[in-house]
């Protein structure tokens, strides 16, 4: 169990790095959606290469059409795109802190429901005091880390309830994506192929969004802000592929809730490291005691959940 939790934490740590890399890529596309399309496209190519070695026979049309193509083939990729787009909409509307709090709350609620009722063919994990306490402690830690002073809360108090509900809805996407992709893994008998299908669907959806929103998918070879484009600007897709694949691997062993909690902890931990040391071109912000306590609360929630 512990090695799997460590693996989930490492996978979660890739997400802030991916976000930073994709933000740099957006300097060359002048659109976050187009940058996300290229990120998904690179991730799809990355997973295709791995599948060519691991599952060459399963990439044939005969294998694909030998299955009943149900919703689980499409939902995972679409959920990923909705989550990505929802965060882009929420950030300027309710701010970074509320976006994190509402989306994480949505993830925890849906993750708990998936585990409790066995939705999407997930293994049933009955609700218990440990599970509820662990989730509440983790959410409390995240709120504590993102706590705003009185004057800042006053500025954000005008946030519409509709935006907050959108935050909960957006947060419900990752656990559904993970659960559906895990069901697809069983369907095709391969976690690599399940991740590849999810990325292909996401890539197609982002292509349509890019064309509809910007009219093109152009990418420039240079940018005034970032200089000449470099190979590492496309690394976000590979990091995303590793993250999605790891979630598919972990879900049957840890359940939806614990998988989410470990990856979220990794995201928070890497976010603190990036801020504290000013990594990836981010302005340096020294970590204070409040944020350390918040991380410890999140870690305690994960440990409590493990006892359930």
C-alpha atoms as a PDB file:
ATOM      1  CA  UNK A   1       0.000   0.000   0.000  1.00  0.00           C
ATOM      2  CA  UNK A   2       2.723   2.505   0.961  1.00  0.00           C
ATOM      3  CA  UNK A   3       4.650   2.113  -2.346  1.00  0.00           C
ATOM      4  CA  UNK A   4       1.414   2.798  -4.247  1.00  0.00           C
ATOM      5  CA  UNK A   5       0.741   5.930  -2.186  1.00  0.00           C
ATOM      6  CA  UNK A   6       4.293   7.123  -2.918  1.00  0.00           C
ATOM      7  CA  UNK A   7       3.740   6.419  -6.631  1.00  0.00           C
ATOM      8  CA  UNK A   8       0.513   8.448  -6.537  1.00  0.00           C
ATOM      9  CA  UNK A   9       2.289  11.312  -4.799  1.00  0.00           C
ATOM     10  CA  UNK A  10       5.052  11.338  -7.425  1.00  0.00           C
ATOM     11  CA  UNK A  11       2.435  11.295 -10.211  1.00  0.00           C
ATOM     12  CA  UNK A  12       0.645  14.224  -8.574  1.00  0.00           C
ATOM     13  CA  UNK A  13       3.897  16.171  -8.422  1.00  0.00           C
ATOM     14  CA  UNK A  14       4.029  16.075 -12.221  1.00  0.00           C
ATOM     15  CA  UNK A  15       0.838  18.132 -12.563  1.00  0.00           C
ATOM     16  CA  UNK A  16       2.197  21.567 -11.489  1.00  0.00           C
ATOM     17  CA  UNK A  17       5.231  20.983 -13.713  1.00  0.00           C
ATOM     18  CA  UNK A  18       2.916  20.113 -16.604  1.00  0.00           C
ATOM     19  CA  UNK A  19       0.851  23.248 -15.967  1.00  0.00           C
ATOM     20  CA  UNK A  20       3.968  25.431 -15.965  1.00  0.00           C
ATOM     21  CA  UNK A  21       5.269  23.861 -19.194  1.00  0.00           C
ATOM     22  CA  UNK A  22       1.881  24.223 -20.916  1.00  0.00           C
ATOM     23  CA  UNK A  23       1.727  27.870 -19.827  1.00  0.00           C
ATOM     24  CA  UNK A  24       5.075  28.436 -21.569  1.00  0.00           C
ATOM     25  CA  UNK A  25       3.787  26.638 -24.658  1.00  0.00           C
ATOM     26  CA  UNK A  26       0.787  28.987 -24.683  1.00  0.00           C
ATOM     27  CA  UNK A  27       3.240  31.835 -25.388  1.00  0.00           C
ATOM     28  CA  UNK A  28       3.764  30.286 -28.829  1.00  0.00           C
ATOM     29  CA  UNK A  29       0.100  29.449 -29.533  1.00  0.00           C
ATOM     30  CA  UNK A  30      -1.428  32.595 -27.968  1.00  0.00           C
ATOM     31  CA  UNK A  31      -4.210  30.362 -26.646  1.00  0.00           C
ATOM     32  CA  UNK A  32      -4.360  28.059 -23.636  1.00  0.00           C
ATOM     33  CA  UNK A  33      -6.805  25.767 -25.420  1.00  0.00           C
ATOM     34  CA  UNK A  34      -4.529  25.410 -28.463  1.00  0.00           C
ATOM     35  CA  UNK A  35      -1.564  24.807 -26.129  1.00  0.00           C
ATOM     36  CA  UNK A  36      -3.604  22.114 -24.379  1.00  0.00           C
ATOM     37  CA  UNK A  37      -4.404  20.547 -27.767  1.00  0.00           C
ATOM     38  CA  UNK A  38      -0.706  20.236 -28.568  1.00  0.00           C
ATOM     39  CA  UNK A  39      -0.046  18.902 -25.067  1.00  0.00           C
ATOM     40  CA  UNK A  40      -2.687  16.188 -25.521  1.00  0.00           C
ATOM     41  CA  UNK A  41      -1.405  15.464 -29.036  1.00  0.00           C
ATOM     42  CA  UNK A  42       2.154  14.900 -27.788  1.00  0.00           C
ATOM     43  CA  UNK A  43       0.821  12.762 -24.954  1.00  0.00           C
ATOM     44  CA  UNK A  44      -1.126  10.674 -27.481  1.00  0.00           C
ATOM     45  CA  UNK A  45       1.983  10.140 -29.624  1.00  0.00           C
ATOM     46  CA  UNK A  46       3.972   9.235 -26.482  1.00  0.00           C
ATOM     47  CA  UNK A  47       1.374   6.628 -25.473  1.00  0.00           C
ATOM     48  CA  UNK A  48       1.077   5.353 -29.044  1.00  0.00           C
ATOM     49  CA  UNK A  49       4.797   4.552 -29.086  1.00  0.00           C
ATOM     50  CA  UNK A  50       4.530   2.636 -25.807  1.00  0.00           C
ATOM     51  CA  UNK A  51       1.484   0.731 -27.076  1.00  0.00           C
ATOM     52  CA  UNK A  52       3.274  -0.197 -30.290  1.00  0.00           C
ATOM     53  CA  UNK A  53       5.775  -2.099 -28.143  1.00  0.00           C
ATOM     54  CA  UNK A  54       3.433  -3.359 -25.414  1.00  0.00           C
ATOM     55  CA  UNK A  55       0.172  -3.947 -27.305  1.00  0.00           C
ATOM     56  CA  UNK A  56       0.834  -4.035 -31.083  1.00  0.00           C
ATOM     57  CA  UNK A  57      -2.034  -6.443 -31.760  1.00  0.00           C
ATOM     58  CA  UNK A  58      -4.516  -4.315 -29.815  1.00  0.00           C
ATOM     59  CA  UNK A  59      -4.060  -1.301 -32.083  1.00  0.00           C
ATOM     60  CA  UNK A  60      -5.689  -3.048 -35.042  1.00  0.00           C
ATOM     61  CA  UNK A  61      -9.240  -2.220 -36.211  1.00  0.00           C
ATOM     62  CA  UNK A  62     -10.148  -5.900 -35.707  1.00  0.00           C
ATOM     63  CA  UNK A  63      -9.382  -5.676 -31.973  1.00  0.00           C
ATOM     64  CA  UNK A  64     -11.242  -2.384 -31.537  1.00  0.00           C
ATOM     65  CA  UNK A  65     -14.397  -3.497 -33.352  1.00  0.00           C
ATOM     66  CA  UNK A  66     -14.442  -6.822 -31.539  1.00  0.00           C
ATOM     67  CA  UNK A  67     -15.662  -4.866 -28.503  1.00  0.00           C
ATOM     68  CA  UNK A  68     -18.936  -3.148 -27.793  1.00  0.00           C
ATOM     69  CA  UNK A  69     -17.880   0.507 -28.045  1.00  0.00           C
ATOM     70  CA  UNK A  70     -19.692   1.906 -25.009  1.00  0.00           C
ATOM     71  CA  UNK A  71     -19.502   5.221 -23.147  1.00  0.00           C
ATOM     72  CA  UNK A  72     -16.364   4.160 -21.245  1.00  0.00           C
ATOM     73  CA  UNK A  73     -14.346   4.552 -24.451  1.00  0.00           C
ATOM     74  CA  UNK A  74     -15.185   8.260 -24.668  1.00  0.00           C
ATOM     75  CA  UNK A  75     -16.085   9.646 -21.250  1.00  0.00           C
ATOM     76  CA  UNK A  76     -12.583   9.616 -19.719  1.00  0.00           C
ATOM     77  CA  UNK A  77     -11.049  11.864 -22.368  1.00  0.00           C
ATOM     78  CA  UNK A  78     -14.023  14.242 -22.385  1.00  0.00           C
ATOM     79  CA  UNK A  79     -13.930  14.530 -18.578  1.00  0.00           C
ATOM     80  CA  UNK A  80     -10.273  15.569 -18.777  1.00  0.00           C
ATOM     81  CA  UNK A  81     -11.096  18.310 -21.281  1.00  0.00           C
ATOM     82  CA  UNK A  82     -14.048  19.580 -19.199  1.00  0.00           C
ATOM     83  CA  UNK A  83     -11.825  19.753 -16.107  1.00  0.00           C
ATOM     84  CA  UNK A  84      -9.127  21.643 -18.000  1.00  0.00           C
ATOM     85  CA  UNK A  85     -11.586  24.106 -19.579  1.00  0.00           C
ATOM     86  CA  UNK A  86     -13.547  24.551 -16.335  1.00  0.00           C
ATOM     87  CA  UNK A  87     -10.423  25.580 -14.443  1.00  0.00           C
ATOM     88  CA  UNK A  88      -9.562  28.087 -17.166  1.00  0.00           C
ATOM     89  CA  UNK A  89     -13.045  29.631 -16.806  1.00  0.00           C
ATOM     90  CA  UNK A  90     -13.064  29.626 -12.998  1.00  0.00           C
ATOM     91  CA  UNK A  91      -9.621  31.106 -12.330  1.00  0.00           C
ATOM     92  CA  UNK A  92     -10.419  34.684 -13.446  1.00  0.00           C
ATOM     93  CA  UNK A  93     -13.936  34.529 -12.000  1.00  0.00           C
ATOM     94  CA  UNK A  94     -13.374  33.352  -8.417  1.00  0.00           C
ATOM     95  CA  UNK A  95      -9.584  33.433  -8.018  1.00  0.00           C
ATOM     96  CA  UNK A  96      -6.976  30.719  -7.557  1.00  0.00           C
ATOM     97  CA  UNK A  97      -7.752  29.936  -3.904  1.00  0.00           C
ATOM     98  CA  UNK A  98     -11.492  29.350  -4.359  1.00  0.00           C
ATOM     99  CA  UNK A  99     -10.861  27.424  -7.575  1.00  0.00           C
ATOM    100  CA  UNK A 100      -8.585  25.002  -5.715  1.00  0.00           C
ATOM    101  CA  UNK A 101     -10.962  24.654  -2.749  1.00  0.00           C
ATOM    102  CA  UNK A 102     -14.143  24.087  -4.781  1.00  0.00           C
ATOM    103  CA  UNK A 103     -12.615  21.696  -7.314  1.00  0.00           C
ATOM    104  CA  UNK A 104     -10.884  19.620  -4.630  1.00  0.00           C
ATOM    105  CA  UNK A 105     -14.134  19.473  -2.632  1.00  0.00           C
ATOM    106  CA  UNK A 106     -15.883  18.218  -5.785  1.00  0.00           C
ATOM    107  CA  UNK A 107     -13.209  15.583  -6.309  1.00  0.00           C
ATOM    108  CA  UNK A 108     -13.477  14.322  -2.752  1.00  0.00           C
ATOM    109  CA  UNK A 109     -17.289  14.158  -2.782  1.00  0.00           C
ATOM    110  CA  UNK A 110     -17.525  12.260  -6.069  1.00  0.00           C
ATOM    111  CA  UNK A 111     -14.561  10.033  -5.168  1.00  0.00           C
ATOM    112  CA  UNK A 112     -16.302   9.052  -1.920  1.00  0.00           C
ATOM    113  CA  UNK A 113     -19.566   8.315  -3.766  1.00  0.00           C
ATOM    114  CA  UNK A 114     -17.763   6.181  -6.380  1.00  0.00           C
ATOM    115  CA  UNK A 115     -16.099   4.125  -3.659  1.00  0.00           C
ATOM    116  CA  UNK A 116     -19.233   3.833  -1.513  1.00  0.00           C
ATOM    117  CA  UNK A 117     -21.661   2.797  -4.259  1.00  0.00           C
ATOM    118  CA  UNK A 118     -19.251   1.127  -6.681  1.00  0.00           C
ATOM    119  CA  UNK A 119     -20.098   3.403  -9.606  1.00  0.00           C
ATOM    120  CA  UNK A 120     -18.433   2.658 -12.966  1.00  0.00           C
ATOM    121  CA  UNK A 121     -17.687  -0.897 -11.775  1.00  0.00           C
ATOM    122  CA  UNK A 122     -15.324   0.367  -9.060  1.00  0.00           C
ATOM    123  CA  UNK A 123     -14.727  -1.881  -6.031  1.00  0.00           C
ATOM    124  CA  UNK A 124     -17.128  -0.984  -3.205  1.00  0.00           C
ATOM    125  CA  UNK A 125     -15.486   0.506  -0.109  1.00  0.00           C
ATOM    126  CA  UNK A 126     -18.155   1.117   2.564  1.00  0.00           C
ATOM    127  CA  UNK A 127     -18.225   4.548   4.180  1.00  0.00           C
ATOM    128  CA  UNK A 128     -16.691   4.760   7.648  1.00  0.00           C
ATOM    129  CA  UNK A 129     -15.701   7.297  10.278  1.00  0.00           C
ATOM    130  CA  UNK A 130     -12.066   7.002   9.144  1.00  0.00           C
ATOM    131  CA  UNK A 131     -12.945   7.765   5.528  1.00  0.00           C
ATOM    132  CA  UNK A 132     -15.088  10.797   6.338  1.00  0.00           C
ATOM    133  CA  UNK A 133     -12.574  12.115   8.894  1.00  0.00           C
ATOM    134  CA  UNK A 134      -9.669  11.740   6.465  1.00  0.00           C
ATOM    135  CA  UNK A 135     -11.500  13.587   3.691  1.00  0.00           C
ATOM    136  CA  UNK A 136     -12.651  16.403   5.982  1.00  0.00           C
ATOM    137  CA  UNK A 137      -9.140  16.827   7.401  1.00  0.00           C
ATOM    138  CA  UNK A 138      -7.680  17.029   3.897  1.00  0.00           C
ATOM    139  CA  UNK A 139     -10.245  19.617   2.750  1.00  0.00           C
ATOM    140  CA  UNK A 140      -9.590  21.595   5.948  1.00  0.00           C
ATOM    141  CA  UNK A 141      -5.862  21.536   5.199  1.00  0.00           C
ATOM    142  CA  UNK A 142      -6.421  22.840   1.673  1.00  0.00           C
ATOM    143  CA  UNK A 143      -8.714  25.608   2.934  1.00  0.00           C
ATOM    144  CA  UNK A 144      -6.153  26.519   5.605  1.00  0.00           C
ATOM    145  CA  UNK A 145      -3.365  26.708   3.005  1.00  0.00           C
ATOM    146  CA  UNK A 146      -5.465  28.981   0.800  1.00  0.00           C
ATOM    147  CA  UNK A 147      -6.900  31.073   3.636  1.00  0.00           C
ATOM    148  CA  UNK A 148      -7.293  34.743   2.752  1.00  0.00           C
ATOM    149  CA  UNK A 149      -7.083  37.743   4.991  1.00  0.00           C
ATOM    150  CA  UNK A 150     -10.262  39.650   5.755  1.00  0.00           C
ATOM    151  CA  UNK A 151      -9.742  42.330   3.100  1.00  0.00           C
ATOM    152  CA  UNK A 152      -9.065  39.668   0.445  1.00  0.00           C
ATOM    153  CA  UNK A 153     -12.165  37.696   1.454  1.00  0.00           C
ATOM    154  CA  UNK A 154     -14.227  40.851   1.130  1.00  0.00           C
ATOM    155  CA  UNK A 155     -13.005  41.293  -2.435  1.00  0.00           C
ATOM    156  CA  UNK A 156     -13.960  37.718  -3.264  1.00  0.00           C
ATOM    157  CA  UNK A 157     -17.287  37.740  -1.383  1.00  0.00           C
ATOM    158  CA  UNK A 158     -19.145  38.757  -4.510  1.00  0.00           C
ATOM    159  CA  UNK A 159     -18.446  35.392  -6.125  1.00  0.00           C
ATOM    160  CA  UNK A 160     -21.683  34.083  -7.567  1.00  0.00           C
ATOM    161  CA  UNK A 161     -23.028  30.810  -6.202  1.00  0.00           C
ATOM    162  CA  UNK A 162     -23.251  29.667  -9.817  1.00  0.00           C
ATOM    163  CA  UNK A 163     -19.458  29.905 -10.172  1.00  0.00           C
ATOM    164  CA  UNK A 164     -18.978  27.981  -6.920  1.00  0.00           C
ATOM    165  CA  UNK A 165     -21.322  25.256  -8.168  1.00  0.00           C
ATOM    166  CA  UNK A 166     -19.363  25.170 -11.421  1.00  0.00           C
ATOM    167  CA  UNK A 167     -16.259  24.630  -9.286  1.00  0.00           C
ATOM    168  CA  UNK A 168     -17.857  21.602  -7.615  1.00  0.00           C
ATOM    169  CA  UNK A 169     -18.979  20.285 -11.008  1.00  0.00           C
ATOM    170  CA  UNK A 170     -15.538  20.796 -12.527  1.00  0.00           C
ATOM    171  CA  UNK A 171     -13.933  19.021  -9.572  1.00  0.00           C
ATOM    172  CA  UNK A 172     -16.186  16.007 -10.096  1.00  0.00           C
ATOM    173  CA  UNK A 173     -14.544  15.290 -13.460  1.00  0.00           C
ATOM    174  CA  UNK A 174     -11.153  13.760 -12.398  1.00  0.00           C
ATOM    175  CA  UNK A 175     -12.595  10.958 -10.210  1.00  0.00           C
ATOM    176  CA  UNK A 176     -15.102  10.057 -12.934  1.00  0.00           C
ATOM    177  CA  UNK A 177     -12.297  10.111 -15.505  1.00  0.00           C
ATOM    178  CA  UNK A 178     -10.128   7.826 -13.353  1.00  0.00           C
ATOM    179  CA  UNK A 179     -12.984   5.418 -12.614  1.00  0.00           C
ATOM    180  CA  UNK A 180     -14.089   5.220 -16.256  1.00  0.00           C
ATOM    181  CA  UNK A 181     -10.534   4.769 -17.513  1.00  0.00           C
ATOM    182  CA  UNK A 182     -10.062   1.978 -14.976  1.00  0.00           C
ATOM    183  CA  UNK A 183     -13.204   0.260 -16.315  1.00  0.00           C
ATOM    184  CA  UNK A 184     -11.814   0.706 -19.836  1.00  0.00           C
ATOM    185  CA  UNK A 185      -8.561  -0.868 -18.661  1.00  0.00           C
ATOM    186  CA  UNK A 186     -10.495  -4.022 -17.769  1.00  0.00           C
ATOM    187  CA  UNK A 187     -12.383  -3.874 -21.080  1.00  0.00           C
ATOM    188  CA  UNK A 188      -9.220  -3.751 -23.211  1.00  0.00           C
ATOM    189  CA  UNK A 189      -6.989  -5.593 -20.699  1.00  0.00           C
ATOM    190  CA  UNK A 190      -4.294  -2.900 -20.771  1.00  0.00           C
ATOM    191  CA  UNK A 191      -3.731   0.233 -18.709  1.00  0.00           C
ATOM    192  CA  UNK A 192      -1.509   1.691 -21.455  1.00  0.00           C
ATOM    193  CA  UNK A 193      -4.177   1.243 -24.119  1.00  0.00           C
ATOM    194  CA  UNK A 194      -6.854   2.688 -21.819  1.00  0.00           C
ATOM    195  CA  UNK A 195      -4.738   5.795 -21.252  1.00  0.00           C
ATOM    196  CA  UNK A 196      -4.051   6.090 -25.004  1.00  0.00           C
ATOM    197  CA  UNK A 197      -7.769   5.938 -25.865  1.00  0.00           C
ATOM    198  CA  UNK A 198      -8.498   8.600 -23.235  1.00  0.00           C
ATOM    199  CA  UNK A 199      -5.819  10.882 -24.693  1.00  0.00           C
ATOM    200  CA  UNK A 200      -6.974  10.370 -28.298  1.00  0.00           C
ATOM    201  CA  UNK A 201     -10.540  11.341 -27.359  1.00  0.00           C
ATOM    202  CA  UNK A 202      -9.265  14.363 -25.418  1.00  0.00           C
ATOM    203  CA  UNK A 203      -7.073  15.401 -28.342  1.00  0.00           C
ATOM    204  CA  UNK A 204     -10.019  15.244 -30.769  1.00  0.00           C
ATOM    205  CA  UNK A 205     -12.217  17.268 -28.394  1.00  0.00           C
ATOM    206  CA  UNK A 206      -9.516  19.922 -27.901  1.00  0.00           C
ATOM    207  CA  UNK A 207      -8.974  20.125 -31.667  1.00  0.00           C
ATOM    208  CA  UNK A 208     -12.651  20.993 -32.111  1.00  0.00           C
ATOM    209  CA  UNK A 209     -12.523  23.495 -29.230  1.00  0.00           C
ATOM    210  CA  UNK A 210      -9.402  25.105 -30.686  1.00  0.00           C
ATOM    211  CA  UNK A 211     -10.933  25.502 -34.135  1.00  0.00           C
ATOM    212  CA  UNK A 212     -14.219  26.823 -32.748  1.00  0.00           C
ATOM    213  CA  UNK A 213     -12.589  29.284 -30.325  1.00  0.00           C
ATOM    214  CA  UNK A 214      -9.635  30.558 -32.353  1.00  0.00           C
ATOM    215  CA  UNK A 215     -10.291  29.391 -35.897  1.00  0.00           C
ATOM    216  CA  UNK A 216      -6.881  27.717 -36.164  1.00  0.00           C
ATOM    217  CA  UNK A 217      -4.241  25.657 -34.363  1.00  0.00           C
ATOM    218  CA  UNK A 218      -1.248  27.765 -35.335  1.00  0.00           C
ATOM    219  CA  UNK A 219       1.946  27.638 -33.324  1.00  0.00           C
ATOM    220  CA  UNK A 220       4.768  30.142 -33.691  1.00  0.00           C
ATOM    221  CA  UNK A 221       8.448  29.244 -33.684  1.00  0.00           C
ATOM    222  CA  UNK A 222       9.308  32.168 -31.415  1.00  0.00           C
ATOM    223  CA  UNK A 223       7.755  34.438 -28.820  1.00  0.00           C
ATOM    224  CA  UNK A 224       8.724  37.855 -27.486  1.00  0.00           C
ATOM    225  CA  UNK A 225       8.167  36.609 -23.951  1.00  0.00           C
ATOM    226  CA  UNK A 226       9.743  33.112 -24.172  1.00  0.00           C
ATOM    227  CA  UNK A 227      12.195  33.420 -27.087  1.00  0.00           C
ATOM    228  CA  UNK A 228      12.638  30.516 -29.508  1.00  0.00           C
ATOM    229  CA  UNK A 229      10.501  27.415 -29.016  1.00  0.00           C
ATOM    230  CA  UNK A 230      12.401  24.441 -27.571  1.00  0.00           C
ATOM    231  CA  UNK A 231      11.660  20.692 -27.348  1.00  0.00           C
ATOM    232  CA  UNK A 232      10.972  20.890 -23.601  1.00  0.00           C
ATOM    233  CA  UNK A 233       8.028  23.209 -24.272  1.00  0.00           C
ATOM    234  CA  UNK A 234       6.180  20.093 -25.486  1.00  0.00           C
ATOM    235  CA  UNK A 235       7.036  17.974 -22.434  1.00  0.00           C
ATOM    236  CA  UNK A 236       3.694  18.698 -20.754  1.00  0.00           C
ATOM    237  CA  UNK A 237       1.977  16.078 -22.898  1.00  0.00           C
ATOM    238  CA  UNK A 238       4.327  13.320 -21.743  1.00  0.00           C
ATOM    239  CA  UNK A 239       3.917  14.349 -18.104  1.00  0.00           C
ATOM    240  CA  UNK A 240       0.140  14.284 -18.503  1.00  0.00           C
ATOM    241  CA  UNK A 241       0.313  10.838 -20.088  1.00  0.00           C
ATOM    242  CA  UNK A 242       2.319   9.495 -17.147  1.00  0.00           C
ATOM    243  CA  UNK A 243      -0.163  11.059 -14.697  1.00  0.00           C
ATOM    244  CA  UNK A 244      -3.271   9.590 -16.375  1.00  0.00           C
ATOM    245  CA  UNK A 245      -1.662   6.158 -16.792  1.00  0.00           C
ATOM    246  CA  UNK A 246      -0.593   6.097 -13.134  1.00  0.00           C
ATOM    247  CA  UNK A 247      -4.154   6.893 -12.033  1.00  0.00           C
ATOM    248  CA  UNK A 248      -5.450   3.971 -14.110  1.00  0.00           C
ATOM    249  CA  UNK A 249      -2.913   1.692 -12.409  1.00  0.00           C
ATOM    250  CA  UNK A 250      -3.662   2.926  -8.872  1.00  0.00           C
ATOM    251  CA  UNK A 251      -7.472   3.032  -8.963  1.00  0.00           C
ATOM    252  CA  UNK A 252      -8.133  -0.738  -8.571  1.00  0.00           C
ATOM    253  CA  UNK A 253      -5.704  -0.942  -5.642  1.00  0.00           C
ATOM    254  CA  UNK A 254      -6.344   2.290  -3.709  1.00  0.00           C
ATOM    255  CA  UNK A 255      -9.898   3.151  -4.706  1.00  0.00           C
ATOM    256  CA  UNK A 256     -11.046   6.474  -6.155  1.00  0.00           C
ATOM    257  CA  UNK A 257     -10.810   8.525  -2.951  1.00  0.00           C
ATOM    258  CA  UNK A 258      -7.317   7.488  -1.809  1.00  0.00           C
ATOM    259  CA  UNK A 259      -5.958   7.708  -5.374  1.00  0.00           C
ATOM    260  CA  UNK A 260      -7.222  11.291  -5.593  1.00  0.00           C
ATOM    261  CA  UNK A 261      -5.910  12.229  -2.165  1.00  0.00           C
ATOM    262  CA  UNK A 262      -2.397  10.966  -2.868  1.00  0.00           C
ATOM    263  CA  UNK A 263      -2.165  12.735  -6.240  1.00  0.00           C
ATOM    264  CA  UNK A 264      -3.581  15.963  -4.801  1.00  0.00           C
ATOM    265  CA  UNK A 265      -1.012  15.793  -2.000  1.00  0.00           C
ATOM    266  CA  UNK A 266       1.712  15.451  -4.631  1.00  0.00           C
ATOM    267  CA  UNK A 267       0.350  18.493  -6.466  1.00  0.00           C
ATOM    268  CA  UNK A 268       0.354  20.570  -3.286  1.00  0.00           C
ATOM    269  CA  UNK A 269       3.859  19.420  -2.351  1.00  0.00           C
ATOM    270  CA  UNK A 270       5.352  20.268  -5.744  1.00  0.00           C
ATOM    271  CA  UNK A 271       3.477  23.563  -5.769  1.00  0.00           C
ATOM    272  CA  UNK A 272       5.175  24.496  -2.502  1.00  0.00           C
ATOM    273  CA  UNK A 273       8.600  23.498  -3.838  1.00  0.00           C
ATOM    274  CA  UNK A 274       8.089  25.532  -7.026  1.00  0.00           C
ATOM    275  CA  UNK A 275       7.013  28.578  -5.009  1.00  0.00           C
ATOM    276  CA  UNK A 276       9.723  28.281  -2.355  1.00  0.00           C
ATOM    277  CA  UNK A 277      12.646  27.861  -4.756  1.00  0.00           C
ATOM    278  CA  UNK A 278      11.260  29.879  -7.671  1.00  0.00           C
ATOM    279  CA  UNK A 279      11.444  26.920 -10.056  1.00  0.00           C
ATOM    280  CA  UNK A 280      10.327  26.913 -13.704  1.00  0.00           C
ATOM    281  CA  UNK A 281      10.497  30.682 -13.924  1.00  0.00           C
ATOM    282  CA  UNK A 282       7.867  31.207 -11.194  1.00  0.00           C
ATOM    283  CA  UNK A 283       8.519  34.174  -8.830  1.00  0.00           C
ATOM    284  CA  UNK A 284       9.933  32.929  -5.518  1.00  0.00           C
ATOM    285  CA  UNK A 285       7.530  32.860  -2.561  1.00  0.00           C
ATOM    286  CA  UNK A 286       9.012  31.473   0.635  1.00  0.00           C
ATOM    287  CA  UNK A 287       6.853  28.815   2.299  1.00  0.00           C
ATOM    288  CA  UNK A 288       5.421  30.013   5.608  1.00  0.00           C
ATOM    289  CA  UNK A 289       4.283  28.025   8.643  1.00  0.00           C
ATOM    290  CA  UNK A 290       0.605  28.210   7.638  1.00  0.00           C
ATOM    291  CA  UNK A 291       1.274  26.362   4.392  1.00  0.00           C
ATOM    292  CA  UNK A 292       3.466  23.773   6.145  1.00  0.00           C
ATOM    293  CA  UNK A 293       0.674  23.080   8.644  1.00  0.00           C
ATOM    294  CA  UNK A 294      -1.782  22.775   5.751  1.00  0.00           C
ATOM    295  CA  UNK A 295       0.396  20.152   4.050  1.00  0.00           C
ATOM    296  CA  UNK A 296       0.713  18.212   7.308  1.00  0.00           C
ATOM    297  CA  UNK A 297      -3.098  18.263   7.667  1.00  0.00           C
ATOM    298  CA  UNK A 298      -3.446  16.891   4.130  1.00  0.00           C
ATOM    299  CA  UNK A 299      -0.884  14.166   4.821  1.00  0.00           C
ATOM    300  CA  UNK A 300      -2.686  13.263   8.072  1.00  0.00           C
ATOM    301  CA  UNK A 301      -5.949  12.946   6.147  1.00  0.00           C
ATOM    302  CA  UNK A 302      -4.311  10.481   3.745  1.00  0.00           C
ATOM    303  CA  UNK A 303      -2.922   8.418   6.638  1.00  0.00           C
ATOM    304  CA  UNK A 304      -6.310   8.345   8.368  1.00  0.00           C
ATOM    305  CA  UNK A 305      -7.998   7.266   5.135  1.00  0.00           C
ATOM    306  CA  UNK A 306      -5.507   4.410   4.818  1.00  0.00           C
ATOM    307  CA  UNK A 307      -6.818   3.039   8.134  1.00  0.00           C
ATOM    308  CA  UNK A 308     -10.325   2.626   6.723  1.00  0.00           C
END
